[in-house]
C-alpha atoms as a PDB file:
ATOM      1  CA  MET A   1      11.186  -7.055   8.750  1.00  0.00           C
ATOM      2  CA  LEU A   2      11.410  -7.827   5.006  1.00  0.00           C
ATOM      3  CA  HIS A   3      12.732  -4.354   4.294  1.00  0.00           C
ATOM      4  CA  LEU A   4      15.825  -5.121   6.385  1.00  0.00           C
ATOM      5  CA  ILE A   5      16.857  -7.623   3.709  1.00  0.00           C
ATOM      6  CA  PRO A   6      18.357  -6.031   0.569  1.00  0.00           C
ATOM      7  CA  PRO A   7      16.038  -6.476  -2.465  1.00  0.00           C
ATOM      8  CA  SER A   8      18.582  -8.544  -4.427  1.00  0.00           C
ATOM      9  CA  LEU A   9      19.008 -10.996  -1.519  1.00  0.00           C
ATOM     10  CA  HIS A  10      15.234 -11.123  -1.032  1.00  0.00           C
ATOM     11  CA  ARG A  11      14.728 -12.024  -4.738  1.00  0.00           C
ATOM     12  CA  THR A  12      17.345 -14.787  -4.433  1.00  0.00           C
ATOM     13  CA  GLY A  13      15.522 -16.147  -1.389  1.00  0.00           C
ATOM     14  CA  LEU A  14      12.199 -16.106  -3.260  1.00  0.00           C
ATOM     15  CA  ARG A  15      13.706 -18.063  -6.186  1.00  0.00           C
ATOM     16  CA  PHE A  16      15.155 -20.641  -3.779  1.00  0.00           C
ATOM     17  CA  ALA A  17      11.895 -20.959  -1.828  1.00  0.00           C
ATOM     18  CA  HIS A  18       9.891 -21.321  -5.054  1.00  0.00           C
ATOM     19  CA  ALA A  19      12.152 -24.172  -6.232  1.00  0.00           C
ATOM     20  CA  ILE A  20      11.667 -26.004  -2.916  1.00  0.00           C
ATOM     21  CA  ARG A  21       7.909 -25.353  -2.953  1.00  0.00           C
ATOM     22  CA  LYS A  22       7.575 -26.865  -6.468  1.00  0.00           C
ATOM     23  CA  ARG A  23       9.435 -30.007  -5.382  1.00  0.00           C
ATOM     24  CA  TRP A  24       7.255 -30.328  -2.258  1.00  0.00           C
ATOM     25  CA  TRP A  25       4.046 -30.017  -4.298  1.00  0.00           C
ATOM     26  CA  ARG A  26       5.246 -32.729  -6.681  1.00  0.00           C
ATOM     27  CA  LEU A  27       6.322 -35.142  -3.921  1.00  0.00           C
ATOM     28  CA  ALA A  28       3.424 -34.601  -1.508  1.00  0.00           C
ATOM     29  CA  LYS A  29       0.728 -34.266  -4.211  1.00  0.00           C
ATOM     30  CA  VAL A  30      -0.701 -31.350  -2.250  1.00  0.00           C
ATOM     31  CA  ARG A  31      -3.988 -30.057  -3.655  1.00  0.00           C
ATOM     32  CA  LEU A  32      -3.633 -26.328  -4.047  1.00  0.00           C
ATOM     33  CA  ASN A  33      -6.330 -23.686  -3.822  1.00  0.00           C
ATOM     34  CA  GLY A  34      -5.404 -20.430  -5.492  1.00  0.00           C
ATOM     35  CA  CYS A  35      -6.693 -17.276  -7.112  1.00  0.00           C
ATOM     36  CA  ARG A  36      -5.832 -15.078 -10.064  1.00  0.00           C
ATOM     37  CA  VAL A  37      -7.031 -11.536 -10.511  1.00  0.00           C
ATOM     38  CA  LEU A  38      -8.426  -9.957 -13.666  1.00  0.00           C
ATOM     39  CA  ALA A  39      -7.849  -6.367 -12.565  1.00  0.00           C
ATOM     40  CA  PHE A  40      -8.977  -3.877 -15.213  1.00  0.00           C
ATOM     41  CA  ASP A  41      -8.549  -0.124 -15.249  1.00  0.00           C
ATOM     42  CA  ALA A  42     -11.355   2.215 -16.355  1.00  0.00           C
ATOM     43  CA  GLN A  43     -10.158   1.983 -19.998  1.00  0.00           C
ATOM     44  CA  GLY A  44     -10.506  -1.815 -19.991  1.00  0.00           C
ATOM     45  CA  ARG A  45      -6.790  -2.543 -19.850  1.00  0.00           C
ATOM     46  CA  LEU A  46      -5.671  -5.617 -17.903  1.00  0.00           C
ATOM     47  CA  LEU A  47      -3.075  -5.486 -15.123  1.00  0.00           C
ATOM     48  CA  LEU A  48      -0.233  -7.986 -15.624  1.00  0.00           C
ATOM     49  CA  ILE A  49       2.847  -8.619 -13.507  1.00  0.00           C
ATOM     50  CA  ARG A  50       6.257 -10.299 -13.712  1.00  0.00           C
ATOM     51  CA  HIS A  51       7.574 -12.067 -10.613  1.00  0.00           C
ATOM     52  CA  SER A  52      11.228 -12.122  -9.585  1.00  0.00           C
ATOM     53  CA  TYR A  53      11.022 -15.933  -9.495  1.00  0.00           C
ATOM     54  CA  GLY A  54       9.561 -18.564 -11.820  1.00  0.00           C
ATOM     55  CA  THR A  55       9.564 -18.257 -15.599  1.00  0.00           C
ATOM     56  CA  GLY A  56       9.815 -14.491 -15.916  1.00  0.00           C
ATOM     57  CA  ASN A  57       6.680 -14.459 -18.076  1.00  0.00           C
ATOM     58  CA  TRP A  58       3.943 -11.865 -17.690  1.00  0.00           C
ATOM     59  CA  MET A  59       0.959 -13.213 -15.758  1.00  0.00           C
ATOM     60  CA  LEU A  60      -2.058 -12.241 -13.710  1.00  0.00           C
ATOM     61  CA  PRO A  61      -1.579 -11.222 -10.085  1.00  0.00           C
ATOM     62  CA  GLY A  62      -2.667 -13.863  -7.618  1.00  0.00           C
ATOM     63  CA  GLY A  63      -1.588 -16.491  -5.166  1.00  0.00           C
ATOM     64  CA  GLY A  64      -2.762 -18.969  -2.605  1.00  0.00           C
ATOM     65  CA  ILE A  65      -6.048 -18.973  -0.763  1.00  0.00           C
ATOM     66  CA  ALA A  66      -5.661 -19.609   2.967  1.00  0.00           C
ATOM     67  CA  ARG A  67      -7.731 -22.263   4.697  1.00  0.00           C
ATOM     68  CA  ARG A  68     -11.263 -20.901   5.272  1.00  0.00           C
ATOM     69  CA  GLU A  69     -10.446 -17.730   3.294  1.00  0.00           C
ATOM     70  CA  ASP A  70     -13.056 -16.545   0.809  1.00  0.00           C
ATOM     71  CA  PRO A  71     -11.659 -16.616  -2.776  1.00  0.00           C
ATOM     72  CA  VAL A  72     -12.784 -13.026  -3.464  1.00  0.00           C
ATOM     73  CA  ALA A  73     -11.136 -11.823  -0.228  1.00  0.00           C
ATOM     74  CA  ALA A  74      -7.955 -13.725  -1.162  1.00  0.00           C
ATOM     75  CA  ALA A  75      -7.899 -12.122  -4.615  1.00  0.00           C
ATOM     76  CA  MET A  76      -8.349  -8.663  -3.126  1.00  0.00           C
ATOM     77  CA  ARG A  77      -5.537  -9.340  -0.628  1.00  0.00           C
ATOM     78  CA  GLU A  78      -3.165 -10.702  -3.281  1.00  0.00           C
ATOM     79  CA  LEU A  79      -3.797  -7.758  -5.616  1.00  0.00           C
ATOM     80  CA  ARG A  80      -3.126  -5.282  -2.805  1.00  0.00           C
ATOM     81  CA  GLU A  81       0.049  -7.140  -1.713  1.00  0.00           C
ATOM     82  CA  GLU A  82       1.479  -7.550  -5.209  1.00  0.00           C
ATOM     83  CA  THR A  83       0.486  -4.241  -6.820  1.00  0.00           C
ATOM     84  CA  GLY A  84      -0.794  -1.827  -4.172  1.00  0.00           C
ATOM     85  CA  CYS A  85      -4.140  -1.605  -6.006  1.00  0.00           C
ATOM     86  CA  VAL A  86      -7.621  -2.120  -4.583  1.00  0.00           C
ATOM     87  CA  LEU A  87     -10.152  -4.314  -6.413  1.00  0.00           C
ATOM     88  CA  GLY A  88     -13.641  -2.844  -6.785  1.00  0.00           C
ATOM     89  CA  ARG A  89     -16.784  -4.633  -7.980  1.00  0.00           C
ATOM     90  CA  PRO A  90     -15.167  -8.083  -7.645  1.00  0.00           C
ATOM     91  CA  PHE A  91     -16.906 -11.206  -8.912  1.00  0.00           C
ATOM     92  CA  VAL A  92     -15.970 -14.830  -9.596  1.00  0.00           C
ATOM     93  CA  HIS A  93     -15.258 -15.096 -13.323  1.00  0.00           C
ATOM     94  CA  THR A  94     -14.366 -18.811 -13.430  1.00  0.00           C
ATOM     95  CA  VAL A  95     -13.126 -21.683 -11.301  1.00  0.00           C
ATOM     96  CA  ALA A  96     -10.962 -24.353 -12.901  1.00  0.00           C
ATOM     97  CA  GLU A  97      -8.612 -27.140 -11.920  1.00  0.00           C
ATOM     98  CA  GLU A  98      -5.276 -27.172 -13.680  1.00  0.00           C
ATOM     99  CA  PRO A  99      -1.996 -29.050 -13.343  1.00  0.00           C
ATOM    100  CA  LEU A 100       0.792 -27.220 -11.546  1.00  0.00           C
ATOM    101  CA  HIS A 101       4.244 -28.688 -10.895  1.00  0.00           C
ATOM    102  CA  GLY A 102       2.988 -32.244 -10.489  1.00  0.00           C
ATOM    103  CA  THR A 103      -0.156 -31.485  -8.530  1.00  0.00           C
ATOM    104  CA  VAL A 104      -3.577 -29.903  -9.093  1.00  0.00           C
ATOM    105  CA  ASN A 105      -4.375 -26.258  -8.455  1.00  0.00           C
ATOM    106  CA  ARG A 106      -8.013 -25.230  -8.079  1.00  0.00           C
ATOM    107  CA  VAL A 107      -7.905 -21.675  -9.434  1.00  0.00           C
ATOM    108  CA  HIS A 108     -10.565 -19.061  -8.732  1.00  0.00           C
ATOM    109  CA  VAL A 109     -10.339 -16.275 -11.321  1.00  0.00           C
ATOM    110  CA  ILE A 110     -11.738 -13.104  -9.778  1.00  0.00           C
ATOM    111  CA  ALA A 111     -12.437 -10.045 -11.932  1.00  0.00           C
ATOM    112  CA  GLY A 112     -12.911  -6.439 -10.926  1.00  0.00           C
ATOM    113  CA  LEU A 113     -11.956  -2.828 -11.385  1.00  0.00           C
ATOM    114  CA  ALA A 114      -8.517  -1.836 -10.082  1.00  0.00           C
ATOM    115  CA  THR A 115      -8.078   1.512  -8.391  1.00  0.00           C
ATOM    116  CA  GLY A 116      -4.865   3.090  -7.236  1.00  0.00           C
ATOM    117  CA  GLU A 117      -1.488   3.475  -8.883  1.00  0.00           C
ATOM    118  CA  PRO A 118       0.145   0.050  -9.377  1.00  0.00           C
ATOM    119  CA  ARG A 119       3.694  -0.299  -8.169  1.00  0.00           C
ATOM    120  CA  ALA A 120       6.209  -3.131  -8.226  1.00  0.00           C
ATOM    121  CA  ASP A 121       7.900  -3.750  -4.897  1.00  0.00           C
ATOM    122  CA  GLY A 122      11.159  -4.774  -6.622  1.00  0.00           C
ATOM    123  CA  ARG A 123      11.225  -7.904  -4.504  1.00  0.00           C
ATOM    124  CA  GLU A 124       8.398 -10.311  -5.412  1.00  0.00           C
ATOM    125  CA  VAL A 125       7.084  -8.263  -8.345  1.00  0.00           C
ATOM    126  CA  ILE A 126       9.732  -6.723 -10.592  1.00  0.00           C
ATOM    127  CA  GLU A 127       7.538  -5.261 -13.318  1.00  0.00           C
ATOM    128  CA  LEU A 128       3.856  -4.539 -13.882  1.00  0.00           C
ATOM    129  CA  GLY A 129       1.522  -2.571 -16.073  1.00  0.00           C
ATOM    130  CA  PHE A 130      -1.928  -2.215 -17.586  1.00  0.00           C
ATOM    131  CA  PHE A 131      -2.185  -3.596 -21.132  1.00  0.00           C
ATOM    132  CA  ALA A 132      -4.811  -3.225 -23.843  1.00  0.00           C
ATOM    133  CA  ARG A 133      -5.826  -6.383 -25.727  1.00  0.00           C
ATOM    134  CA  GLU A 134      -3.975  -5.178 -28.828  1.00  0.00           C
ATOM    135  CA  ALA A 135      -0.812  -4.185 -26.929  1.00  0.00           C
ATOM    136  CA  LEU A 136       0.027  -7.205 -24.750  1.00  0.00           C
ATOM    137  CA  PRO A 137       3.657  -7.828 -23.739  1.00  0.00           C
ATOM    138  CA  GLN A 138       5.718 -10.388 -25.678  1.00  0.00           C
ATOM    139  CA  ARG A 139       6.485 -12.905 -22.936  1.00  0.00           C
ATOM    140  CA  LEU A 140       3.008 -13.912 -21.776  1.00  0.00           C
ATOM    141  CA  SER A 141       2.531 -17.077 -19.799  1.00  0.00           C
ATOM    142  CA  PRO A 142       1.580 -19.675 -22.486  1.00  0.00           C
ATOM    143  CA  ALA A 143      -1.593 -20.712 -20.630  1.00  0.00           C
ATOM    144  CA  LEU A 144      -2.631 -17.086 -20.297  1.00  0.00           C
ATOM    145  CA  ALA A 145      -1.907 -16.222 -23.933  1.00  0.00           C
ATOM    146  CA  GLY A 146      -4.497 -18.734 -25.141  1.00  0.00           C
ATOM    147  CA  GLN A 147      -7.240 -17.252 -22.947  1.00  0.00           C
ATOM    148  CA  MET A 148      -6.920 -13.546 -23.646  1.00  0.00           C
ATOM    149  CA  ASP A 149     -10.102 -13.105 -25.688  1.00  0.00           C
ATOM    150  CA  GLU A 150     -12.178 -14.777 -22.981  1.00  0.00           C
ATOM    151  CA  LEU A 151     -10.451 -12.873 -20.182  1.00  0.00           C
ATOM    152  CA  PHE A 152     -10.968  -9.469 -21.771  1.00  0.00           C
ATOM    153  CA  GLU A 153     -14.696 -10.260 -22.122  1.00  0.00           C
ATOM    154  CA  ALA A 154     -14.917 -10.082 -18.318  1.00  0.00           C
ATOM    155  CA  PHE A 155     -14.498  -6.303 -18.525  1.00  0.00           C
ATOM    156  CA  GLY A 156     -17.988  -6.085 -20.062  1.00  0.00           C
ATOM    157  CA  ARG A 157     -19.453  -7.341 -16.776  1.00  0.00           C
ATOM    158  CA  ILE A 158     -17.639  -4.615 -14.830  1.00  0.00           C
ATOM    159  CA  ALA A 159     -18.141  -1.516 -16.984  1.00  0.00           C
END
């Protein structure tokens, strides 16, 4: 069904929906439950994405965790949906609560080894790639930029 909508119109719809979602979170004070994925390749490079909506910064793949969904299963699903990759050897790296658009997001950071060739769908994800610690893209999410040393340490538990 989504492929019947032209990509440019789909991206516009995502930006509009994201703006409404942020306002709803702020007004309703909804407690969010989400995941982020530390997906490394065999060389220890980290997979980062850029969404077609939001700030345009590079960030980790991830998204919401459905009611009664296991955080590791949610991370594996989100990685597959956003990048086409499969997450092997997954484990919970950290769980933290952080502010997000006027509410609190409980974030499960799941790490693992990515397999498959990552691809951007041109709709939700417009760009992606594996990056070495010393070759990160310029426009990193500010919160992510301050955690890079700690995040790259997770690869040692996978290799």
